[in-house]
């Protein structure tokens, strides 16, 4: 019984550390003392956050059953994108991406972030200071785990990407802290995967310029 309690307590501690890491502010190297922003909670629905604010149902253009999602995504992708999971910090290869290109939704192929907006946050997850457009992401108040955060999902399917915090660098002061497994990166000049091609054929007006 003591062994079971020890494992349970260790798991809870690890989970708390994971949440705290994603919620922590970047190092002072990114924001000097005079650049620090006033804290804003999700309930304020401040216009500084870039995205579509949603408090109820939203009509996502890409609709699939959860079984269909399970069949097209890996187990870990499904857990993050459809079950609002979080990958372990510093595990995504996308943390080290420095090439010019576009980050797309791993669920639908929707363009989400320009590589030029990516920055090193020190949190262990790919971070961006703004989405590719205001309509690319949906923002929702997330009150789970005893804290108030702003959840970010893609506006094409409502698939979970991560959270946004008001402690990023200029020019927006925002940090879109994304799970690497929720994204696909296509470098400039690289052939995009079928998922991206199919999405842009269906929604040509969203084709990014790089």
N, C-alpha and C. Protein backbone atom coordinates (compact mmCIF):
# COMPACT_ATOMS: atom_id res chain seq x y z
N UNK A 1 0.82 -1.20 0.00
CA UNK A 1 0.00 0.00 0.00
C UNK A 1 0.86 1.26 0.00
N UNK A 2 1.96 1.24 0.80
CA UNK A 2 2.86 2.38 0.83
C UNK A 2 3.49 2.63 -0.54
N UNK A 3 3.80 1.53 -1.23
CA UNK A 3 4.39 1.66 -2.57
C UNK A 3 3.40 2.31 -3.53
N UNK A 4 2.12 1.90 -3.45
CA UNK A 4 1.09 2.46 -4.32
C UNK A 4 0.91 3.96 -4.03
N UNK A 5 0.89 4.32 -2.74
CA UNK A 5 0.74 5.72 -2.37
C UNK A 5 1.93 6.55 -2.86
N UNK A 6 3.13 5.97 -2.78
CA UNK A 6 4.32 6.68 -3.25
C UNK A 6 4.26 6.94 -4.74
N UNK A 7 3.84 5.92 -5.52
CA UNK A 7 3.71 6.07 -6.98
C UNK A 7 2.67 7.12 -7.32
N UNK A 8 1.54 7.08 -6.59
CA UNK A 8 0.45 8.03 -6.85
C UNK A 8 0.90 9.45 -6.56
N UNK A 9 1.56 9.66 -5.44
CA UNK A 9 2.03 10.99 -5.06
C UNK A 9 3.10 11.50 -6.02
N UNK A 10 3.96 10.60 -6.47
CA UNK A 10 5.00 10.99 -7.43
C UNK A 10 4.39 11.41 -8.75
N UNK A 11 3.36 10.69 -9.20
CA UNK A 11 2.66 11.02 -10.45
C UNK A 11 2.01 12.38 -10.37
N UNK A 12 1.35 12.66 -9.23
CA UNK A 12 0.70 13.96 -9.05
C UNK A 12 1.72 15.09 -9.06
N UNK A 13 2.86 14.86 -8.42
CA UNK A 13 3.91 15.88 -8.38
C UNK A 13 4.46 16.16 -9.78
N UNK A 14 4.68 15.10 -10.54
CA UNK A 14 5.20 15.27 -11.90
C UNK A 14 4.23 16.04 -12.78
N UNK A 15 2.93 15.74 -12.60
CA UNK A 15 1.90 16.43 -13.39
C UNK A 15 1.85 17.90 -13.04
N UNK A 16 1.96 18.20 -11.74
CA UNK A 16 1.94 19.60 -11.29
C UNK A 16 3.13 20.36 -11.85
N UNK A 17 4.29 19.72 -11.86
CA UNK A 17 5.49 20.36 -12.41
C UNK A 17 5.32 20.64 -13.90
N UNK A 18 4.70 19.71 -14.63
CA UNK A 18 4.46 19.87 -16.07
C UNK A 18 3.59 21.09 -16.34
N UNK A 19 2.50 21.22 -15.56
CA UNK A 19 1.61 22.35 -15.76
C UNK A 19 2.30 23.66 -15.41
N UNK A 20 3.07 23.64 -14.34
CA UNK A 20 3.77 24.85 -13.92
C UNK A 20 4.79 25.28 -14.96
N UNK A 21 5.46 24.31 -15.59
CA UNK A 21 6.47 24.64 -16.60
C UNK A 21 5.85 25.33 -17.80
N UNK A 22 4.71 24.83 -18.25
CA UNK A 22 4.05 25.42 -19.42
C UNK A 22 3.48 26.79 -19.08
N UNK A 23 3.17 27.02 -17.80
CA UNK A 23 2.57 28.28 -17.40
C UNK A 23 3.60 29.33 -17.01
N UNK A 24 4.86 28.92 -16.84
CA UNK A 24 5.85 29.88 -16.33
C UNK A 24 6.25 30.89 -17.38
N UNK A 25 6.72 32.02 -16.93
CA UNK A 25 7.15 33.07 -17.84
C UNK A 25 8.50 32.73 -18.44
N UNK A 26 8.79 33.24 -19.65
CA UNK A 26 10.10 33.05 -20.25
C UNK A 26 11.17 33.74 -19.41
N UNK A 27 12.42 33.43 -19.74
CA UNK A 27 13.53 34.01 -18.99
C UNK A 27 13.59 35.52 -19.21
N UNK A 28 14.25 36.22 -18.30
CA UNK A 28 14.34 37.66 -18.40
C UNK A 28 15.16 38.10 -19.61
N UNK A 29 15.82 37.13 -20.26
CA UNK A 29 16.59 37.47 -21.46
C UNK A 29 15.67 37.93 -22.58
N UNK A 30 14.41 37.42 -22.58
CA UNK A 30 13.47 37.81 -23.62
C UNK A 30 12.76 39.12 -23.29
N UNK A 31 12.43 39.34 -22.01
CA UNK A 31 11.71 40.54 -21.62
C UNK A 31 12.48 41.27 -20.53
N UNK A 32 12.92 42.47 -20.83
CA UNK A 32 13.61 43.25 -19.82
C UNK A 32 12.60 43.78 -18.82
N UNK A 33 13.07 44.39 -17.75
CA UNK A 33 12.20 44.85 -16.67
C UNK A 33 11.15 45.82 -17.19
N UNK A 34 11.56 46.74 -18.08
CA UNK A 34 10.62 47.74 -18.56
C UNK A 34 9.63 47.19 -19.57
N UNK A 35 9.89 45.98 -20.10
CA UNK A 35 9.01 45.40 -21.10
C UNK A 35 7.95 44.49 -20.49
N UNK A 36 8.00 44.25 -19.19
CA UNK A 36 7.07 43.32 -18.57
C UNK A 36 5.64 43.80 -18.74
N UNK A 37 4.75 42.87 -19.02
CA UNK A 37 3.35 43.20 -19.27
C UNK A 37 2.51 42.97 -18.02
N UNK A 38 1.40 43.69 -17.91
CA UNK A 38 0.47 43.49 -16.81
C UNK A 38 -0.24 42.15 -17.01
N UNK A 39 -0.36 41.38 -15.95
CA UNK A 39 -1.02 40.08 -16.05
C UNK A 39 -2.48 40.24 -16.44
N UNK A 40 -2.94 39.43 -17.36
CA UNK A 40 -4.33 39.44 -17.80
C UNK A 40 -4.85 38.03 -17.76
N UNK A 41 -5.99 37.81 -17.14
CA UNK A 41 -6.57 36.47 -17.07
C UNK A 41 -7.52 36.24 -18.23
N UNK A 42 -7.83 34.97 -18.47
CA UNK A 42 -8.71 34.61 -19.58
C UNK A 42 -10.08 35.26 -19.44
N UNK A 43 -10.55 35.41 -18.19
CA UNK A 43 -11.89 35.94 -17.98
C UNK A 43 -12.02 37.39 -18.42
N UNK A 44 -10.87 38.08 -18.60
CA UNK A 44 -10.92 39.46 -19.07
C UNK A 44 -11.24 39.56 -20.56
N UNK A 45 -11.00 38.50 -21.30
CA UNK A 45 -11.24 38.49 -22.74
C UNK A 45 -10.62 39.74 -23.40
N UNK A 46 -9.38 40.01 -23.03
CA UNK A 46 -8.67 41.17 -23.51
C UNK A 46 -8.42 41.05 -25.02
N UNK A 47 -8.53 42.15 -25.73
CA UNK A 47 -8.34 42.14 -27.18
C UNK A 47 -6.88 41.89 -27.56
N UNK A 48 -5.99 41.94 -26.57
CA UNK A 48 -4.58 41.69 -26.89
C UNK A 48 -4.36 40.27 -27.39
N UNK A 49 -5.24 39.32 -26.99
CA UNK A 49 -5.09 37.94 -27.42
C UNK A 49 -5.58 37.81 -28.86
N UNK A 50 -4.76 37.20 -29.72
CA UNK A 50 -5.08 37.10 -31.14
C UNK A 50 -5.71 35.75 -31.43
N UNK A 51 -6.97 35.78 -31.84
CA UNK A 51 -7.70 34.55 -32.13
C UNK A 51 -9.19 34.82 -32.02
N UNK A 52 -9.99 33.79 -32.25
CA UNK A 52 -11.44 33.90 -32.18
C UNK A 52 -11.89 33.45 -30.79
N UNK A 53 -12.41 34.37 -29.98
CA UNK A 53 -12.89 34.01 -28.65
C UNK A 53 -14.20 33.24 -28.76
N UNK A 54 -14.27 32.09 -28.09
CA UNK A 54 -15.48 31.26 -28.11
C UNK A 54 -15.81 30.85 -26.68
N UNK A 55 -17.05 31.06 -26.27
CA UNK A 55 -17.48 30.67 -24.93
C UNK A 55 -18.49 29.53 -24.97
N UNK A 56 -18.94 29.16 -26.17
CA UNK A 56 -19.90 28.06 -26.30
C UNK A 56 -19.54 27.19 -27.49
N UNK A 57 -20.53 26.77 -28.23
CA UNK A 57 -20.30 25.93 -29.41
C UNK A 57 -19.74 26.77 -30.56
N UNK A 58 -18.97 26.11 -31.42
CA UNK A 58 -18.39 26.77 -32.58
C UNK A 58 -18.51 25.83 -33.77
N UNK A 59 -18.83 26.37 -34.92
CA UNK A 59 -19.04 25.55 -36.12
C UNK A 59 -17.70 25.34 -36.84
N UNK A 60 -17.00 24.27 -36.47
CA UNK A 60 -15.73 23.96 -37.11
C UNK A 60 -15.98 23.33 -38.49
N UNK A 61 -15.30 23.79 -39.54
CA UNK A 61 -15.55 23.29 -40.89
C UNK A 61 -15.14 21.84 -41.12
N UNK A 62 -14.14 21.35 -40.38
CA UNK A 62 -13.70 19.96 -40.52
C UNK A 62 -14.32 19.15 -39.38
N UNK A 63 -15.20 18.25 -39.73
CA UNK A 63 -15.91 17.44 -38.74
C UNK A 63 -15.60 15.95 -38.95
N UNK A 64 -15.17 15.29 -37.89
CA UNK A 64 -14.93 13.84 -37.93
C UNK A 64 -15.42 13.23 -36.62
N UNK A 65 -15.76 11.97 -36.66
CA UNK A 65 -16.10 11.27 -35.42
C UNK A 65 -14.80 10.99 -34.67
N UNK A 66 -14.89 10.76 -33.37
CA UNK A 66 -13.68 10.47 -32.60
C UNK A 66 -13.03 9.18 -33.09
N UNK A 67 -13.81 8.26 -33.60
CA UNK A 67 -13.25 7.02 -34.15
C UNK A 67 -12.43 7.33 -35.40
N UNK A 68 -12.93 8.24 -36.24
CA UNK A 68 -12.19 8.63 -37.43
C UNK A 68 -10.88 9.32 -37.06
N UNK A 69 -10.91 10.16 -36.01
CA UNK A 69 -9.68 10.80 -35.55
C UNK A 69 -8.69 9.75 -35.07
N UNK A 70 -9.17 8.76 -34.35
CA UNK A 70 -8.29 7.71 -33.83
C UNK A 70 -7.61 6.95 -34.95
N UNK A 71 -8.33 6.75 -36.05
CA UNK A 71 -7.78 5.99 -37.17
C UNK A 71 -6.73 6.77 -37.95
N UNK A 72 -6.82 8.11 -37.96
CA UNK A 72 -5.88 8.90 -38.76
C UNK A 72 -4.70 9.43 -37.95
N UNK A 73 -4.82 9.49 -36.62
CA UNK A 73 -3.77 10.04 -35.76
C UNK A 73 -3.06 8.93 -35.00
N UNK A 74 -1.82 9.20 -34.61
CA UNK A 74 -1.13 8.26 -33.73
C UNK A 74 -1.77 8.35 -32.34
N UNK A 75 -1.43 7.42 -31.48
CA UNK A 75 -2.01 7.42 -30.14
C UNK A 75 -1.67 8.70 -29.38
N UNK A 76 -0.42 9.13 -29.47
CA UNK A 76 -0.02 10.35 -28.75
C UNK A 76 -0.62 11.60 -29.38
N UNK A 77 -0.72 11.63 -30.71
CA UNK A 77 -1.36 12.77 -31.39
C UNK A 77 -2.83 12.87 -30.98
N UNK A 78 -3.50 11.73 -30.93
CA UNK A 78 -4.91 11.72 -30.55
C UNK A 78 -5.08 12.23 -29.12
N UNK A 79 -4.19 11.79 -28.23
CA UNK A 79 -4.27 12.21 -26.83
C UNK A 79 -4.13 13.72 -26.70
N UNK A 80 -3.21 14.31 -27.47
CA UNK A 80 -2.99 15.76 -27.39
C UNK A 80 -4.07 16.53 -28.14
N UNK A 81 -4.30 16.19 -29.39
CA UNK A 81 -5.20 16.95 -30.23
C UNK A 81 -6.68 16.79 -29.86
N UNK A 82 -7.07 15.58 -29.47
CA UNK A 82 -8.50 15.33 -29.24
C UNK A 82 -8.86 15.14 -27.77
N UNK A 83 -7.86 14.85 -26.93
CA UNK A 83 -8.13 14.67 -25.51
C UNK A 83 -7.46 15.75 -24.65
N UNK A 84 -6.97 16.79 -25.31
CA UNK A 84 -6.38 17.95 -24.63
C UNK A 84 -5.20 17.56 -23.74
N UNK A 85 -4.39 16.65 -24.24
CA UNK A 85 -3.21 16.22 -23.49
C UNK A 85 -2.04 17.17 -23.67
N UNK A 86 -0.95 16.87 -22.97
CA UNK A 86 0.27 17.68 -23.05
C UNK A 86 1.48 16.76 -23.16
N UNK A 87 2.32 17.01 -24.15
CA UNK A 87 3.54 16.22 -24.30
C UNK A 87 4.57 16.65 -23.26
N UNK A 88 5.54 15.80 -22.99
CA UNK A 88 6.61 16.15 -22.05
C UNK A 88 7.46 17.28 -22.62
N UNK A 89 7.87 18.17 -21.76
CA UNK A 89 8.69 19.31 -22.19
C UNK A 89 10.01 18.84 -22.78
N UNK A 90 10.52 19.61 -23.75
CA UNK A 90 11.82 19.38 -24.39
C UNK A 90 11.89 18.05 -25.16
N UNK A 91 10.74 17.52 -25.57
CA UNK A 91 10.74 16.27 -26.33
C UNK A 91 10.45 16.47 -27.82
N UNK A 92 9.96 17.63 -28.20
CA UNK A 92 9.58 17.84 -29.60
C UNK A 92 10.76 18.32 -30.45
N UNK A 93 11.00 17.68 -31.59
CA UNK A 93 12.04 18.15 -32.52
C UNK A 93 11.76 19.56 -33.04
N UNK A 94 10.49 19.98 -32.99
CA UNK A 94 10.14 21.31 -33.49
C UNK A 94 10.70 22.43 -32.62
N UNK A 95 11.13 22.09 -31.41
CA UNK A 95 11.77 23.10 -30.56
C UNK A 95 13.00 23.69 -31.25
N UNK A 96 13.68 22.88 -32.04
CA UNK A 96 14.95 23.28 -32.64
C UNK A 96 14.83 23.79 -34.08
N UNK A 97 13.61 23.87 -34.59
CA UNK A 97 13.42 24.33 -35.97
C UNK A 97 13.76 25.82 -36.09
N UNK A 98 14.65 26.12 -37.03
CA UNK A 98 15.05 27.51 -37.25
C UNK A 98 14.86 27.93 -38.71
N UNK A 99 14.51 26.96 -39.56
CA UNK A 99 14.34 27.27 -40.98
C UNK A 99 13.09 28.12 -41.22
N UNK A 100 13.07 28.77 -42.36
CA UNK A 100 11.90 29.54 -42.78
C UNK A 100 10.83 28.56 -43.26
N UNK A 101 9.61 28.78 -42.84
CA UNK A 101 8.53 27.89 -43.25
C UNK A 101 7.25 28.15 -42.48
N UNK A 102 6.34 27.18 -42.56
CA UNK A 102 5.01 27.30 -41.95
C UNK A 102 4.74 26.10 -41.05
N UNK A 103 4.09 26.37 -39.93
CA UNK A 103 3.64 25.31 -39.04
C UNK A 103 2.13 25.11 -39.27
N UNK A 104 1.75 23.85 -39.52
CA UNK A 104 0.36 23.51 -39.82
C UNK A 104 -0.23 22.63 -38.71
N UNK A 105 -1.56 22.57 -38.67
CA UNK A 105 -2.22 21.68 -37.73
C UNK A 105 -1.98 20.23 -38.13
N UNK A 106 -1.55 19.40 -37.18
CA UNK A 106 -1.34 17.98 -37.46
C UNK A 106 -2.66 17.24 -37.60
N UNK A 107 -3.75 17.89 -37.23
CA UNK A 107 -5.08 17.27 -37.35
C UNK A 107 -5.68 17.49 -38.73
N UNK A 108 -5.49 18.70 -39.29
CA UNK A 108 -6.18 19.03 -40.54
C UNK A 108 -5.28 19.53 -41.66
N UNK A 109 -4.08 20.00 -41.35
CA UNK A 109 -3.23 20.61 -42.36
C UNK A 109 -3.46 22.11 -42.49
N UNK A 110 -4.19 22.70 -41.57
CA UNK A 110 -4.47 24.14 -41.60
C UNK A 110 -3.23 24.95 -41.24
N UNK A 111 -2.91 26.02 -41.98
CA UNK A 111 -1.77 26.88 -41.62
C UNK A 111 -2.04 27.59 -40.29
N UNK A 112 -1.06 27.55 -39.37
CA UNK A 112 -1.28 28.12 -38.04
C UNK A 112 -0.27 29.19 -37.66
N UNK A 113 1.02 28.94 -37.93
CA UNK A 113 2.06 29.87 -37.48
C UNK A 113 3.16 30.02 -38.53
N UNK A 114 3.66 31.24 -38.68
CA UNK A 114 4.84 31.51 -39.50
C UNK A 114 6.08 31.25 -38.65
N UNK A 115 7.12 30.69 -39.24
CA UNK A 115 8.34 30.43 -38.50
C UNK A 115 8.99 31.71 -37.99
N UNK A 116 8.71 32.83 -38.66
CA UNK A 116 9.29 34.11 -38.25
C UNK A 116 8.76 34.59 -36.90
N UNK A 117 7.65 34.00 -36.44
CA UNK A 117 7.07 34.40 -35.15
C UNK A 117 7.46 33.43 -34.03
N UNK A 118 8.28 32.44 -34.34
CA UNK A 118 8.72 31.46 -33.34
C UNK A 118 9.87 32.07 -32.53
N UNK A 119 9.89 31.79 -31.22
CA UNK A 119 10.98 32.28 -30.39
C UNK A 119 11.31 31.26 -29.31
N UNK A 120 12.49 31.37 -28.75
CA UNK A 120 12.95 30.46 -27.72
C UNK A 120 12.42 30.92 -26.37
N UNK A 121 11.44 30.20 -25.84
CA UNK A 121 10.78 30.60 -24.59
C UNK A 121 11.45 29.99 -23.37
N UNK A 122 12.19 28.89 -23.57
CA UNK A 122 12.81 28.22 -22.44
C UNK A 122 11.86 27.31 -21.68
N UNK A 123 10.64 27.15 -22.17
CA UNK A 123 9.64 26.32 -21.48
C UNK A 123 9.69 24.86 -21.90
N UNK A 124 10.29 24.58 -23.06
CA UNK A 124 10.35 23.20 -23.54
C UNK A 124 9.31 22.85 -24.57
N UNK A 125 8.48 23.84 -24.98
CA UNK A 125 7.49 23.63 -26.03
C UNK A 125 7.68 24.69 -27.11
N UNK A 126 7.38 24.36 -28.39
CA UNK A 126 7.45 25.36 -29.45
C UNK A 126 6.58 26.56 -29.10
N UNK A 127 7.14 27.76 -29.20
CA UNK A 127 6.42 28.97 -28.78
C UNK A 127 6.44 30.02 -29.88
N UNK A 128 5.33 30.74 -30.02
CA UNK A 128 5.16 31.74 -31.06
C UNK A 128 4.53 32.99 -30.44
N UNK A 129 4.83 34.16 -31.00
CA UNK A 129 4.22 35.35 -30.44
C UNK A 129 2.92 35.77 -31.12
N UNK A 130 2.55 35.10 -32.22
CA UNK A 130 1.24 35.35 -32.83
C UNK A 130 0.93 34.26 -33.85
N UNK A 131 -0.37 33.98 -34.08
CA UNK A 131 -0.74 33.01 -35.11
C UNK A 131 -0.63 33.65 -36.49
N UNK A 132 -0.76 32.83 -37.51
CA UNK A 132 -0.60 33.31 -38.88
C UNK A 132 -1.70 34.30 -39.25
N UNK A 133 -2.87 34.17 -38.62
CA UNK A 133 -3.96 35.13 -38.78
C UNK A 133 -4.87 35.01 -37.56
N UNK A 134 -5.66 36.02 -37.31
CA UNK A 134 -6.58 36.00 -36.17
C UNK A 134 -7.57 34.85 -36.27
N UNK A 135 -7.96 34.50 -37.50
CA UNK A 135 -8.97 33.46 -37.70
C UNK A 135 -8.38 32.04 -37.68
N UNK A 136 -7.08 31.91 -37.50
CA UNK A 136 -6.46 30.59 -37.56
C UNK A 136 -6.69 29.77 -36.29
N UNK A 137 -6.88 30.45 -35.17
CA UNK A 137 -7.04 29.73 -33.90
C UNK A 137 -8.27 30.21 -33.15
N UNK A 138 -8.82 29.31 -32.35
CA UNK A 138 -9.94 29.62 -31.46
C UNK A 138 -9.41 29.62 -30.03
N UNK A 139 -9.82 30.61 -29.24
CA UNK A 139 -9.39 30.75 -27.86
C UNK A 139 -10.56 30.46 -26.92
N UNK A 140 -10.30 29.66 -25.89
CA UNK A 140 -11.34 29.28 -24.94
C UNK A 140 -10.81 29.35 -23.52
N UNK A 141 -11.65 29.80 -22.60
CA UNK A 141 -11.25 29.83 -21.20
C UNK A 141 -11.16 28.41 -20.67
N UNK A 142 -10.06 28.10 -20.01
CA UNK A 142 -9.79 26.76 -19.49
C UNK A 142 -9.59 26.88 -17.98
N UNK A 143 -10.53 26.34 -17.22
CA UNK A 143 -10.47 26.42 -15.76
C UNK A 143 -10.12 25.09 -15.09
N UNK A 144 -9.52 24.19 -15.83
CA UNK A 144 -9.16 22.90 -15.26
C UNK A 144 -7.95 23.00 -14.34
N UNK A 145 -7.82 22.03 -13.47
CA UNK A 145 -6.65 21.87 -12.59
C UNK A 145 -6.45 23.06 -11.64
N UNK A 146 -7.54 23.75 -11.31
CA UNK A 146 -7.46 24.81 -10.31
C UNK A 146 -6.79 26.08 -10.77
N UNK A 147 -6.73 26.31 -12.09
CA UNK A 147 -6.13 27.54 -12.61
C UNK A 147 -6.91 28.01 -13.82
N UNK A 148 -6.78 29.29 -14.13
CA UNK A 148 -7.44 29.86 -15.31
C UNK A 148 -6.41 30.10 -16.39
N UNK A 149 -6.61 29.44 -17.51
CA UNK A 149 -5.71 29.60 -18.65
C UNK A 149 -6.53 29.81 -19.91
N UNK A 150 -5.87 30.13 -21.00
CA UNK A 150 -6.54 30.31 -22.28
C UNK A 150 -6.10 29.19 -23.21
N UNK A 151 -7.02 28.29 -23.51
CA UNK A 151 -6.73 27.18 -24.40
C UNK A 151 -6.74 27.65 -25.85
N UNK A 152 -5.85 27.09 -26.65
CA UNK A 152 -5.77 27.41 -28.08
C UNK A 152 -6.07 26.14 -28.87
N UNK A 153 -7.05 26.21 -29.77
CA UNK A 153 -7.37 25.09 -30.66
C UNK A 153 -7.36 25.60 -32.09
N UNK A 154 -7.17 24.70 -33.05
CA UNK A 154 -7.23 25.16 -34.44
C UNK A 154 -8.68 25.47 -34.80
N UNK A 155 -8.87 26.48 -35.65
CA UNK A 155 -10.23 26.90 -35.99
C UNK A 155 -10.86 26.02 -37.06
N UNK A 156 -10.10 25.07 -37.58
CA UNK A 156 -10.66 24.18 -38.61
C UNK A 156 -11.37 22.98 -38.01
N UNK A 157 -10.88 22.49 -36.86
CA UNK A 157 -11.49 21.27 -36.29
C UNK A 157 -11.67 21.32 -34.78
N UNK A 158 -11.17 22.37 -34.12
CA UNK A 158 -11.26 22.45 -32.67
C UNK A 158 -10.26 21.54 -31.97
N UNK A 159 -9.23 21.11 -32.68
CA UNK A 159 -8.22 20.22 -32.09
C UNK A 159 -7.28 21.03 -31.19
N UNK A 160 -6.98 20.48 -30.03
CA UNK A 160 -6.18 21.15 -29.01
C UNK A 160 -4.74 21.34 -29.46
N UNK A 161 -4.23 22.56 -29.29
CA UNK A 161 -2.85 22.87 -29.64
C UNK A 161 -2.00 23.16 -28.41
N UNK A 162 -2.55 23.92 -27.47
CA UNK A 162 -1.82 24.31 -26.27
C UNK A 162 -2.53 25.45 -25.59
N UNK A 163 -1.75 26.41 -25.06
CA UNK A 163 -2.32 27.56 -24.36
C UNK A 163 -1.54 28.83 -24.75
N UNK A 164 -2.17 29.98 -24.53
CA UNK A 164 -1.50 31.26 -24.79
C UNK A 164 -1.40 32.04 -23.49
N UNK A 165 -0.25 32.72 -23.29
CA UNK A 165 0.02 33.46 -22.07
C UNK A 165 0.49 34.88 -22.41
N UNK A 166 0.22 35.85 -21.54
CA UNK A 166 0.58 37.25 -21.81
C UNK A 166 1.99 37.60 -21.36
N UNK A 167 2.96 36.73 -21.63
CA UNK A 167 4.34 36.98 -21.17
C UNK A 167 5.36 36.74 -22.27
N UNK A 168 4.93 36.97 -23.51
CA UNK A 168 5.83 36.76 -24.65
C UNK A 168 6.61 38.01 -25.01
N UNK A 169 7.41 37.94 -26.05
CA UNK A 169 8.24 39.08 -26.48
C UNK A 169 7.45 40.07 -27.34
N UNK A 170 8.09 41.18 -27.66
CA UNK A 170 7.49 42.12 -28.61
C UNK A 170 7.40 41.44 -29.98
N UNK A 171 6.48 41.85 -30.85
CA UNK A 171 5.62 43.02 -30.72
C UNK A 171 4.28 42.77 -30.04
N UNK A 172 3.89 41.52 -29.79
CA UNK A 172 2.55 41.24 -29.25
C UNK A 172 2.54 41.05 -27.74
N UNK A 173 3.67 40.64 -27.16
CA UNK A 173 3.70 40.33 -25.73
C UNK A 173 3.01 39.03 -25.40
N UNK A 174 2.79 38.18 -26.41
CA UNK A 174 2.07 36.91 -26.22
C UNK A 174 3.00 35.72 -26.41
N UNK A 175 2.64 34.62 -25.76
CA UNK A 175 3.38 33.36 -25.92
C UNK A 175 2.38 32.24 -26.19
N UNK A 176 2.29 31.84 -27.44
CA UNK A 176 1.46 30.69 -27.81
C UNK A 176 2.31 29.45 -27.58
N UNK A 177 2.06 28.78 -26.45
CA UNK A 177 2.84 27.61 -26.03
C UNK A 177 2.17 26.36 -26.61
N UNK A 178 2.74 25.81 -27.68
CA UNK A 178 2.09 24.75 -28.43
C UNK A 178 2.75 23.38 -28.23
N UNK A 179 1.96 22.34 -28.27
CA UNK A 179 2.51 20.99 -28.28
C UNK A 179 3.10 20.71 -29.66
N UNK A 180 4.33 20.20 -29.69
CA UNK A 180 4.95 19.90 -30.97
C UNK A 180 4.19 18.87 -31.77
N UNK A 181 3.58 17.90 -31.09
CA UNK A 181 2.85 16.84 -31.80
C UNK A 181 1.54 17.33 -32.38
N UNK A 182 1.14 18.54 -32.04
CA UNK A 182 -0.08 19.09 -32.63
C UNK A 182 0.22 19.84 -33.92
N UNK A 183 1.51 19.93 -34.27
CA UNK A 183 1.93 20.72 -35.42
C UNK A 183 2.70 19.90 -36.45
N UNK A 184 2.63 20.37 -37.69
CA UNK A 184 3.46 19.87 -38.78
C UNK A 184 4.26 21.05 -39.31
N UNK A 185 5.57 20.87 -39.51
CA UNK A 185 6.37 21.96 -40.07
C UNK A 185 6.76 21.64 -41.50
N UNK A 186 6.57 22.62 -42.38
CA UNK A 186 6.98 22.50 -43.78
C UNK A 186 7.90 23.66 -44.08
N UNK A 187 9.16 23.35 -44.36
CA UNK A 187 10.14 24.39 -44.67
C UNK A 187 9.87 25.00 -46.04
N UNK A 188 10.32 26.22 -46.23
CA UNK A 188 10.15 26.91 -47.51
C UNK A 188 10.79 26.09 -48.62
N UNK A 189 10.02 25.83 -49.69
CA UNK A 189 10.52 25.05 -50.81
C UNK A 189 10.32 23.56 -50.66
N UNK A 190 9.91 23.11 -49.49
CA UNK A 190 9.69 21.68 -49.24
C UNK A 190 8.30 21.27 -49.72
N UNK A 191 8.19 20.05 -50.20
CA UNK A 191 6.89 19.52 -50.64
C UNK A 191 6.02 19.26 -49.41
N UNK A 192 4.84 19.89 -49.34
CA UNK A 192 3.98 19.66 -48.18
C UNK A 192 3.35 18.27 -48.22
N UNK A 193 3.03 17.70 -47.05
CA UNK A 193 2.39 16.38 -47.01
C UNK A 193 0.97 16.44 -47.56
N UNK A 194 0.41 15.27 -47.83
CA UNK A 194 -0.92 15.18 -48.43
C UNK A 194 -1.97 15.90 -47.59
N UNK A 195 -1.85 15.82 -46.27
CA UNK A 195 -2.83 16.44 -45.39
C UNK A 195 -2.91 17.95 -45.63
N UNK A 196 -1.75 18.58 -45.79
CA UNK A 196 -1.70 20.02 -46.04
C UNK A 196 -2.24 20.34 -47.43
N UNK A 197 -1.83 19.57 -48.41
CA UNK A 197 -2.29 19.79 -49.79
C UNK A 197 -3.82 19.71 -49.88
N UNK A 198 -4.38 18.69 -49.25
CA UNK A 198 -5.83 18.50 -49.29
C UNK A 198 -6.55 19.67 -48.62
N UNK A 199 -5.99 20.14 -47.49
CA UNK A 199 -6.64 21.25 -46.80
C UNK A 199 -6.62 22.52 -47.66
N UNK A 200 -5.46 22.83 -48.24
CA UNK A 200 -5.33 24.06 -49.03
C UNK A 200 -6.11 23.99 -50.34
N UNK A 201 -6.36 22.79 -50.84
CA UNK A 201 -7.21 22.64 -52.02
C UNK A 201 -8.66 22.95 -51.66
N UNK A 202 -9.04 22.58 -50.44
CA UNK A 202 -10.41 22.82 -49.98
C UNK A 202 -10.60 24.27 -49.53
N UNK A 203 -9.53 24.86 -48.96
CA UNK A 203 -9.60 26.23 -48.47
C UNK A 203 -8.44 27.05 -49.07
N UNK A 204 -8.46 27.31 -50.39
CA UNK A 204 -7.34 27.97 -51.07
C UNK A 204 -7.08 29.38 -50.55
N UNK A 205 -8.10 30.03 -49.97
CA UNK A 205 -7.92 31.39 -49.46
C UNK A 205 -6.98 31.43 -48.26
N UNK A 206 -6.70 30.27 -47.65
CA UNK A 206 -5.81 30.21 -46.49
C UNK A 206 -4.36 29.87 -46.86
N UNK A 207 -4.10 29.72 -48.15
CA UNK A 207 -2.74 29.36 -48.57
C UNK A 207 -1.77 30.45 -48.14
N UNK A 208 -0.74 30.08 -47.35
CA UNK A 208 0.18 31.10 -46.82
C UNK A 208 1.18 31.58 -47.85
N UNK A 209 1.66 32.79 -47.66
CA UNK A 209 2.72 33.32 -48.51
C UNK A 209 4.01 33.34 -47.70
N UNK A 210 5.05 32.68 -48.22
CA UNK A 210 6.35 32.70 -47.54
C UNK A 210 7.44 33.03 -48.55
